[in-house]
């Protein structure tokens, strides 16, 4: 059964590699990062799934609260 993971720094480097690995294993990911363009590039490399991205700085409580509210719907 697929799980959903929240990955920070998903726009590049290790964060992107983690997202790609999880998605290719059939899981869904919530991508967090400061650069929307890089997050979009990462989404473009993924297979089908319920992937969501949020532009957020994880050092900002305000950004994290905003992302959490959006996730709750």
PDB file of N, CA and C in Angstrom:
ATOM      1  N   UNK A   1       0.852  -1.184   0.000  1.00  0.00           N
ATOM      2  CA  UNK A   1       0.000   0.000   0.000  1.00  0.00           C
ATOM      3  C   UNK A   1       0.893   1.240   0.000  1.00  0.00           C
ATOM      4  N   UNK A   2       0.658   2.166  -0.926  1.00  0.00           N
ATOM      5  CA  UNK A   2       1.499   3.362  -0.981  1.00  0.00           C
ATOM      6  C   UNK A   2       1.283   4.262   0.236  1.00  0.00           C
ATOM      7  N   UNK A   3       2.347   4.882   0.656  1.00  0.00           N
ATOM      8  CA  UNK A   3       2.321   5.841   1.744  1.00  0.00           C
ATOM      9  C   UNK A   3       2.590   7.227   1.162  1.00  0.00           C
ATOM     10  N   UNK A   4       2.329   8.255   1.952  1.00  0.00           N
ATOM     11  CA  UNK A   4       2.622   9.622   1.548  1.00  0.00           C
ATOM     12  C   UNK A   4       3.711  10.173   2.447  1.00  0.00           C
ATOM     13  N   UNK A   5       4.753  10.725   1.827  1.00  0.00           N
ATOM     14  CA  UNK A   5       5.901  11.267   2.542  1.00  0.00           C
ATOM     15  C   UNK A   5       6.018  12.758   2.281  1.00  0.00           C
ATOM     16  N   UNK A   6       6.444  13.500   3.301  1.00  0.00           N
ATOM     17  CA  UNK A   6       6.730  14.925   3.166  1.00  0.00           C
ATOM     18  C   UNK A   6       8.242  15.073   3.119  1.00  0.00           C
ATOM     19  N   UNK A   7       8.759  15.645   2.029  1.00  0.00           N
ATOM     20  CA  UNK A   7      10.198  15.778   1.829  1.00  0.00           C
ATOM     21  C   UNK A   7      10.557  17.253   1.683  1.00  0.00           C
ATOM     22  N   UNK A   8      11.437  17.736   2.555  1.00  0.00           N
ATOM     23  CA  UNK A   8      11.916  19.114   2.420  1.00  0.00           C
ATOM     24  C   UNK A   8      13.175  19.119   1.567  1.00  0.00           C
ATOM     25  N   UNK A   9      13.440  20.239   0.927  1.00  0.00           N
ATOM     26  CA  UNK A   9      14.602  20.329   0.044  1.00  0.00           C
ATOM     27  C   UNK A   9      14.429  19.496  -1.206  1.00  0.00           C
ATOM     28  N   UNK A  10      13.174  19.318  -1.631  1.00  0.00           N
ATOM     29  CA  UNK A  10      12.856  18.416  -2.734  1.00  0.00           C
ATOM     30  C   UNK A  10      13.197  18.968  -4.110  1.00  0.00           C
ATOM     31  N   UNK A  11      13.652  20.214  -4.184  1.00  0.00           N
ATOM     32  CA  UNK A  11      13.939  20.820  -5.475  1.00  0.00           C
ATOM     33  C   UNK A  11      15.268  20.428  -6.083  1.00  0.00           C
ATOM     34  N   UNK A  12      16.163  19.876  -5.266  1.00  0.00           N
ATOM     35  CA  UNK A  12      17.483  19.518  -5.806  1.00  0.00           C
ATOM     36  C   UNK A  12      18.213  18.595  -4.844  1.00  0.00           C
ATOM     37  N   UNK A  13      19.329  18.088  -5.310  1.00  0.00           N
ATOM     38  CA  UNK A  13      20.234  17.309  -4.478  1.00  0.00           C
ATOM     39  C   UNK A  13      19.627  16.069  -3.846  1.00  0.00           C
ATOM     40  N   UNK A  14      19.962  15.865  -2.581  1.00  0.00           N
ATOM     41  CA  UNK A  14      19.510  14.674  -1.855  1.00  0.00           C
ATOM     42  C   UNK A  14      17.991  14.648  -1.736  1.00  0.00           C
ATOM     43  N   UNK A  15      17.372  15.813  -1.484  1.00  0.00           N
ATOM     44  CA  UNK A  15      15.911  15.860  -1.384  1.00  0.00           C
ATOM     45  C   UNK A  15      15.235  15.373  -2.652  1.00  0.00           C
ATOM     46  N   UNK A  16      15.732  15.830  -3.799  1.00  0.00           N
ATOM     47  CA  UNK A  16      15.171  15.388  -5.084  1.00  0.00           C
ATOM     48  C   UNK A  16      15.374  13.886  -5.269  1.00  0.00           C
ATOM     49  N   UNK A  17      16.545  13.388  -4.940  1.00  0.00           N
ATOM     50  CA  UNK A  17      16.831  11.961  -5.092  1.00  0.00           C
ATOM     51  C   UNK A  17      15.914  11.115  -4.206  1.00  0.00           C
ATOM     52  N   UNK A  18      15.648  11.590  -2.992  1.00  0.00           N
ATOM     53  CA  UNK A  18      14.757  10.861  -2.084  1.00  0.00           C
ATOM     54  C   UNK A  18      13.342  10.810  -2.669  1.00  0.00           C
ATOM     55  N   UNK A  19      12.863  11.960  -3.154  1.00  0.00           N
ATOM     56  CA  UNK A  19      11.524  12.016  -3.759  1.00  0.00           C
ATOM     57  C   UNK A  19      11.443  11.052  -4.933  1.00  0.00           C
ATOM     58  N   UNK A  20      12.424  11.086  -5.807  1.00  0.00           N
ATOM     59  CA  UNK A  20      12.401  10.216  -6.982  1.00  0.00           C
ATOM     60  C   UNK A  20      12.392   8.749  -6.580  1.00  0.00           C
ATOM     61  N   UNK A  21      13.198   8.389  -5.606  1.00  0.00           N
ATOM     62  CA  UNK A  21      13.255   7.001  -5.147  1.00  0.00           C
ATOM     63  C   UNK A  21      11.910   6.564  -4.567  1.00  0.00           C
ATOM     64  N   UNK A  22      11.319   7.391  -3.722  1.00  0.00           N
ATOM     65  CA  UNK A  22      10.030   7.047  -3.115  1.00  0.00           C
ATOM     66  C   UNK A  22       8.937   6.923  -4.171  1.00  0.00           C
ATOM     67  N   UNK A  23       8.910   7.855  -5.125  1.00  0.00           N
ATOM     68  CA  UNK A  23       7.875   7.831  -6.150  1.00  0.00           C
ATOM     69  C   UNK A  23       8.020   6.637  -7.076  1.00  0.00           C
ATOM     70  N   UNK A  24       9.235   6.295  -7.442  1.00  0.00           N
ATOM     71  CA  UNK A  24       9.446   5.140  -8.302  1.00  0.00           C
ATOM     72  C   UNK A  24       9.131   3.843  -7.572  1.00  0.00           C
ATOM     73  N   UNK A  25       9.078   3.904  -6.234  1.00  0.00           N
ATOM     74  CA  UNK A  25       8.687   2.746  -5.431  1.00  0.00           C
ATOM     75  C   UNK A  25       7.174   2.708  -5.213  1.00  0.00           C
ATOM     76  N   UNK A  26       6.454   3.656  -5.814  1.00  0.00           N
ATOM     77  CA  UNK A  26       5.001   3.650  -5.763  1.00  0.00           C
ATOM     78  C   UNK A  26       4.374   4.512  -4.684  1.00  0.00           C
ATOM     79  N   UNK A  27       5.168   5.324  -3.998  1.00  0.00           N
ATOM     80  CA  UNK A  27       4.641   6.177  -2.939  1.00  0.00           C
ATOM     81  C   UNK A  27       4.304   7.572  -3.482  1.00  0.00           C
ATOM     82  N   UNK A  28       3.521   8.302  -2.711  1.00  0.00           N
ATOM     83  CA  UNK A  28       3.168   9.685  -3.039  1.00  0.00           C
ATOM     84  C   UNK A  28       4.028  10.619  -2.195  1.00  0.00           C
ATOM     85  N   UNK A  29       4.293  11.806  -2.707  1.00  0.00           N
ATOM     86  CA  UNK A  29       5.152  12.741  -1.988  1.00  0.00           C
ATOM     87  C   UNK A  29       4.571  14.142  -1.961  1.00  0.00           C
ATOM     88  N   UNK A  30       4.816  14.810  -0.838  1.00  0.00           N
ATOM     89  CA  UNK A  30       4.573  16.232  -0.690  1.00  0.00           C
ATOM     90  C   UNK A  30       5.955  16.873  -0.741  1.00  0.00           C
ATOM     91  N   UNK A  31       6.195  17.688  -1.739  1.00  0.00           N
ATOM     92  CA  UNK A  31       7.498  18.304  -1.951  1.00  0.00           C
ATOM     93  C   UNK A  31       7.526  19.701  -1.347  1.00  0.00           C
ATOM     94  N   UNK A  32       8.495  19.959  -0.484  1.00  0.00           N
ATOM     95  CA  UNK A  32       8.689  21.278   0.099  1.00  0.00           C
ATOM     96  C   UNK A  32      10.031  21.829  -0.351  1.00  0.00           C
ATOM     97  N   UNK A  33      10.066  23.114  -0.632  1.00  0.00           N
ATOM     98  CA  UNK A  33      11.310  23.768  -0.994  1.00  0.00           C
ATOM     99  C   UNK A  33      11.095  25.259  -1.148  1.00  0.00           C
ATOM    100  N   UNK A  34      12.183  26.000  -1.200  1.00  0.00           N
ATOM    101  CA  UNK A  34      12.098  27.449  -1.305  1.00  0.00           C
ATOM    102  C   UNK A  34      11.935  27.937  -2.734  1.00  0.00           C
ATOM    103  N   UNK A  35      12.274  27.111  -3.722  1.00  0.00           N
ATOM    104  CA  UNK A  35      12.285  27.544  -5.116  1.00  0.00           C
ATOM    105  C   UNK A  35      11.218  26.784  -5.903  1.00  0.00           C
ATOM    106  N   UNK A  36      10.134  27.481  -6.258  1.00  0.00           N
ATOM    107  CA  UNK A  36       9.018  26.846  -6.961  1.00  0.00           C
ATOM    108  C   UNK A  36       9.452  26.245  -8.298  1.00  0.00           C
ATOM    109  N   UNK A  37      10.347  26.932  -9.002  1.00  0.00           N
ATOM    110  CA  UNK A  37      10.812  26.430 -10.299  1.00  0.00           C
ATOM    111  C   UNK A  37      11.517  25.092 -10.177  1.00  0.00           C
ATOM    112  N   UNK A  38      12.357  24.963  -9.172  1.00  0.00           N
ATOM    113  CA  UNK A  38      13.066  23.691  -8.961  1.00  0.00           C
ATOM    114  C   UNK A  38      12.115  22.580  -8.536  1.00  0.00           C
ATOM    115  N   UNK A  39      11.104  22.938  -7.735  1.00  0.00           N
ATOM    116  CA  UNK A  39      10.110  21.933  -7.344  1.00  0.00           C
ATOM    117  C   UNK A  39       9.340  21.443  -8.567  1.00  0.00           C
ATOM    118  N   UNK A  40       8.992  22.372  -9.461  1.00  0.00           N
ATOM    119  CA  UNK A  40       8.298  22.003 -10.699  1.00  0.00           C
ATOM    120  C   UNK A  40       9.169  21.081 -11.554  1.00  0.00           C
ATOM    121  N   UNK A  41      10.466  21.362 -11.613  1.00  0.00           N
ATOM    122  CA  UNK A  41      11.377  20.485 -12.359  1.00  0.00           C
ATOM    123  C   UNK A  41      11.394  19.082 -11.754  1.00  0.00           C
ATOM    124  N   UNK A  42      11.405  19.006 -10.435  1.00  0.00           N
ATOM    125  CA  UNK A  42      11.392  17.702  -9.772  1.00  0.00           C
ATOM    126  C   UNK A  42      10.100  16.964 -10.089  1.00  0.00           C
ATOM    127  N   UNK A  43       8.961  17.651  -9.995  1.00  0.00           N
ATOM    128  CA  UNK A  43       7.667  17.027 -10.311  1.00  0.00           C
ATOM    129  C   UNK A  43       7.695  16.471 -11.733  1.00  0.00           C
ATOM    130  N   UNK A  44       8.336  17.193 -12.642  1.00  0.00           N
ATOM    131  CA  UNK A  44       8.410  16.758 -14.031  1.00  0.00           C
ATOM    132  C   UNK A  44       9.179  15.463 -14.239  1.00  0.00           C
ATOM    133  N   UNK A  45      10.007  15.076 -13.273  1.00  0.00           N
ATOM    134  CA  UNK A  45      10.784  13.841 -13.403  1.00  0.00           C
ATOM    135  C   UNK A  45      10.083  12.631 -12.791  1.00  0.00           C
ATOM    136  N   UNK A  46       8.921  12.846 -12.187  1.00  0.00           N
ATOM    137  CA  UNK A  46       8.262  11.775 -11.439  1.00  0.00           C
ATOM    138  C   UNK A  46       7.238  11.026 -12.277  1.00  0.00           C
ATOM    139  N   UNK A  47       6.983   9.790 -11.871  1.00  0.00           N
ATOM    140  CA  UNK A  47       5.944   9.006 -12.517  1.00  0.00           C
ATOM    141  C   UNK A  47       4.587   9.429 -11.966  1.00  0.00           C
ATOM    142  N   UNK A  48       3.537   8.815 -12.444  1.00  0.00           N
ATOM    143  CA  UNK A  48       2.187   9.147 -11.996  1.00  0.00           C
ATOM    144  C   UNK A  48       2.070   8.957 -10.489  1.00  0.00           C
ATOM    145  N   UNK A  49       1.230   9.744  -9.896  1.00  0.00           N
ATOM    146  CA  UNK A  49       0.976   9.637  -8.464  1.00  0.00           C
ATOM    147  C   UNK A  49       0.343  10.911  -7.966  1.00  0.00           C
ATOM    148  N   UNK A  50       0.002  10.910  -6.715  1.00  0.00           N
ATOM    149  CA  UNK A  50      -0.624  12.075  -6.086  1.00  0.00           C
ATOM    150  C   UNK A  50       0.450  12.924  -5.427  1.00  0.00           C
ATOM    151  N   UNK A  51       1.215  13.635  -6.233  1.00  0.00           N
ATOM    152  CA  UNK A  51       2.310  14.449  -5.724  1.00  0.00           C
ATOM    153  C   UNK A  51       1.861  15.906  -5.614  1.00  0.00           C
ATOM    154  N   UNK A  52       2.256  16.550  -4.530  1.00  0.00           N
ATOM    155  CA  UNK A  52       1.863  17.929  -4.262  1.00  0.00           C
ATOM    156  C   UNK A  52       3.124  18.703  -3.930  1.00  0.00           C
ATOM    157  N   UNK A  53       3.173  19.971  -4.321  1.00  0.00           N
ATOM    158  CA  UNK A  53       4.335  20.777  -3.953  1.00  0.00           C
ATOM    159  C   UNK A  53       3.901  22.039  -3.232  1.00  0.00           C
ATOM    160  N   UNK A  54       4.754  22.474  -2.314  1.00  0.00           N
ATOM    161  CA  UNK A  54       4.550  23.710  -1.568  1.00  0.00           C
ATOM    162  C   UNK A  54       5.867  24.459  -1.526  1.00  0.00           C
ATOM    163  N   UNK A  55       5.808  25.725  -1.897  1.00  0.00           N
ATOM    164  CA  UNK A  55       6.978  26.577  -1.745  1.00  0.00           C
ATOM    165  C   UNK A  55       6.985  27.054  -0.304  1.00  0.00           C
ATOM    166  N   UNK A  56       7.992  26.637   0.440  1.00  0.00           N
ATOM    167  CA  UNK A  56       8.062  26.977   1.860  1.00  0.00           C
ATOM    168  C   UNK A  56       9.504  26.906   2.332  1.00  0.00           C
ATOM    169  N   UNK A  57       9.821  27.773   3.272  1.00  0.00           N
ATOM    170  CA  UNK A  57      11.113  27.746   3.951  1.00  0.00           C
ATOM    171  C   UNK A  57      10.876  27.057   5.292  1.00  0.00           C
ATOM    172  N   UNK A  58      11.494  25.908   5.500  1.00  0.00           N
ATOM    173  CA  UNK A  58      11.201  25.151   6.716  1.00  0.00           C
ATOM    174  C   UNK A  58      11.697  25.828   7.983  1.00  0.00           C
ATOM    175  N   UNK A  59      12.485  26.886   7.840  1.00  0.00           N
ATOM    176  CA  UNK A  59      12.900  27.643   9.027  1.00  0.00           C
ATOM    177  C   UNK A  59      11.870  28.705   9.396  1.00  0.00           C
ATOM    178  N   UNK A  60      10.829  28.840   8.581  1.00  0.00           N
ATOM    179  CA  UNK A  60       9.776  29.822   8.817  1.00  0.00           C
ATOM    180  C   UNK A  60       8.524  29.121   9.348  1.00  0.00           C
ATOM    181  N   UNK A  61       8.187  29.383  10.580  1.00  0.00           N
ATOM    182  CA  UNK A  61       6.977  28.794  11.174  1.00  0.00           C
ATOM    183  C   UNK A  61       5.739  29.199  10.363  1.00  0.00           C
ATOM    184  N   UNK A  62       5.716  30.436   9.896  1.00  0.00           N
ATOM    185  CA  UNK A  62       4.580  30.918   9.102  1.00  0.00           C
ATOM    186  C   UNK A  62       4.421  30.088   7.819  1.00  0.00           C
ATOM    187  N   UNK A  63       5.521  29.846   7.113  1.00  0.00           N
ATOM    188  CA  UNK A  63       5.467  29.037   5.887  1.00  0.00           C
ATOM    189  C   UNK A  63       4.978  27.627   6.181  1.00  0.00           C
ATOM    190  N   UNK A  64       5.470  27.027   7.257  1.00  0.00           N
ATOM    191  CA  UNK A  64       5.064  25.663   7.592  1.00  0.00           C
ATOM    192  C   UNK A  64       3.599  25.592   7.993  1.00  0.00           C
ATOM    193  N   UNK A  65       3.139  26.577   8.751  1.00  0.00           N
ATOM    194  CA  UNK A  65       1.724  26.600   9.130  1.00  0.00           C
ATOM    195  C   UNK A  65       0.835  26.744   7.899  1.00  0.00           C
ATOM    196  N   UNK A  66       1.257  27.577   6.964  1.00  0.00           N
ATOM    197  CA  UNK A  66       0.494  27.768   5.720  1.00  0.00           C
ATOM    198  C   UNK A  66       0.417  26.458   4.932  1.00  0.00           C
ATOM    199  N   UNK A  67       1.533  25.775   4.802  1.00  0.00           N
ATOM    200  CA  UNK A  67       1.559  24.500   4.078  1.00  0.00           C
ATOM    201  C   UNK A  67       0.676  23.461   4.785  1.00  0.00           C
ATOM    202  N   UNK A  68       0.747  23.413   6.107  1.00  0.00           N
ATOM    203  CA  UNK A  68      -0.059  22.449   6.866  1.00  0.00           C
ATOM    204  C   UNK A  68      -1.547  22.723   6.680  1.00  0.00           C
ATOM    205  N   UNK A  69      -1.950  23.982   6.688  1.00  0.00           N
ATOM    206  CA  UNK A  69      -3.360  24.326   6.483  1.00  0.00           C
ATOM    207  C   UNK A  69      -3.825  23.901   5.089  1.00  0.00           C
ATOM    208  N   UNK A  70      -2.987  24.106   4.096  1.00  0.00           N
ATOM    209  CA  UNK A  70      -3.343  23.722   2.738  1.00  0.00           C
ATOM    210  C   UNK A  70      -3.446  22.203   2.614  1.00  0.00           C
ATOM    211  N   UNK A  71      -2.593  21.473   3.302  1.00  0.00           N
ATOM    212  CA  UNK A  71      -2.636  20.019   3.261  1.00  0.00           C
ATOM    213  C   UNK A  71      -3.915  19.474   3.895  1.00  0.00           C
ATOM    214  N   UNK A  72      -4.348  20.116   4.961  1.00  0.00           N
ATOM    215  CA  UNK A  72      -5.568  19.680   5.645  1.00  0.00           C
ATOM    216  C   UNK A  72      -6.808  19.931   4.799  1.00  0.00           C
ATOM    217  N   UNK A  73      -6.696  20.859   3.854  1.00  0.00           N
ATOM    218  CA  UNK A  73      -7.814  21.150   2.957  1.00  0.00           C
ATOM    219  C   UNK A  73      -8.786  22.035   3.588  1.00  0.00           C
TER     220      UNK A  73
END
